[in-house]
Amino acid sequence: MVAAYILIDVSIDVDEPEALAAIRQVPGVRQAHLVVGPNDCIAYIEVDSHEKALETLRALRAVRGVLRTDMRSAAEL
């Protein structure tokens, strides 16, 4: 299993709650929240493989209003 947090920047030209709703519909996204700080949203994903993680990342980037993503894979130590 691959787990990751994805920091997302959303355009000011779109309705953030609508973008959040679309982000939450992306396969693999388990949670997503609007946040205060340098990024607009954080999403948590869980998928079966690195290939699926990349598919999820591509789908997030295709959401209307998403400007930038920054994925941080969870590490099991």
Protein backbone atom coordinates (compact mmCIF):
# COMPACT_ATOMS: atom_id res chain seq x y z
CA MET A 1 0.00 0.00 0.00
CA VAL A 2 1.11 3.54 -0.77
CA ALA A 3 -0.07 6.36 1.49
CA ALA A 4 0.67 10.02 0.87
CA TYR A 5 -0.35 13.54 1.76
CA ILE A 6 -0.79 15.95 -1.13
CA LEU A 7 -0.59 19.70 -0.63
CA ILE A 8 -2.75 21.47 -3.20
CA ASP A 9 -2.92 25.07 -4.39
CA VAL A 10 -6.26 26.18 -5.81
CA SER A 11 -6.91 29.16 -8.10
CA ILE A 12 -8.72 32.14 -6.62
CA ASP A 13 -10.89 32.07 -9.75
CA VAL A 14 -12.79 28.96 -8.63
CA ASP A 15 -15.10 28.25 -5.73
CA GLU A 16 -12.92 26.45 -3.16
CA PRO A 17 -15.75 24.31 -1.73
CA GLU A 18 -16.57 23.10 -5.26
CA ALA A 19 -12.91 22.27 -5.92
CA LEU A 20 -12.76 20.45 -2.59
CA ALA A 21 -15.84 18.40 -3.49
CA ALA A 22 -14.21 17.40 -6.80
CA ILE A 23 -10.93 16.52 -5.05
CA ARG A 24 -12.81 14.28 -2.62
CA GLN A 25 -14.32 12.37 -5.58
CA VAL A 26 -10.93 11.39 -7.04
CA PRO A 27 -10.32 7.63 -6.67
CA GLY A 28 -7.78 6.97 -3.94
CA VAL A 29 -8.50 10.13 -1.95
CA ARG A 30 -9.50 9.11 1.58
CA GLN A 31 -9.69 12.61 3.09
CA ALA A 32 -9.34 16.19 1.86
CA HIS A 33 -9.65 19.45 3.74
CA LEU A 34 -9.29 23.16 3.06
CA VAL A 35 -6.49 24.56 5.22
CA VAL A 36 -5.09 27.93 6.25
CA GLY A 37 -1.45 28.54 5.34
CA PRO A 38 0.76 28.48 2.28
CA ASN A 39 -1.45 25.82 0.63
CA ASP A 40 -5.21 25.79 0.12
CA CYS A 41 -5.98 22.11 0.59
CA ILE A 42 -4.45 18.90 1.88
CA ALA A 43 -5.52 15.47 0.70
CA TYR A 44 -4.64 12.06 2.09
CA ILE A 45 -4.51 9.15 -0.36
CA GLU A 46 -4.19 5.40 0.02
CA VAL A 47 -3.68 3.25 -3.07
CA ASP A 48 -2.32 -0.20 -3.92
CA SER A 49 0.80 0.82 -5.87
CA HIS A 50 3.05 3.66 -6.95
CA GLU A 51 1.41 3.54 -10.38
CA LYS A 52 -2.00 4.11 -8.77
CA ALA A 53 -0.53 6.98 -6.73
CA LEU A 54 0.61 8.65 -9.95
CA GLU A 55 -2.84 8.10 -11.49
CA THR A 56 -4.42 9.73 -8.45
CA LEU A 57 -1.98 12.63 -8.65
CA ARG A 58 -2.77 13.14 -12.36
CA ALA A 59 -6.50 13.07 -11.60
CA LEU A 60 -6.05 15.68 -8.86
CA ARG A 61 -4.11 17.92 -11.24
CA ALA A 62 -7.00 17.64 -13.72
CA VAL A 63 -9.52 19.04 -11.21
CA ARG A 64 -10.74 22.46 -12.34
CA GLY A 65 -8.87 25.13 -10.39
CA VAL A 66 -5.98 23.01 -9.14
CA LEU A 67 -2.80 24.95 -9.86
CA ARG A 68 -0.09 22.95 -8.12
CA THR A 69 0.37 19.75 -6.15
CA ASP A 70 3.15 18.63 -3.81
CA MET A 71 3.03 14.95 -2.83
CA ARG A 72 4.64 13.67 0.37
CA SER A 73 4.73 9.88 0.68
CA ALA A 74 4.17 8.51 4.17
CA ALA A 75 7.19 6.64 5.53
CA GLU A 76 6.95 3.59 7.77
CA LEU A 77 9.99 3.44 10.01
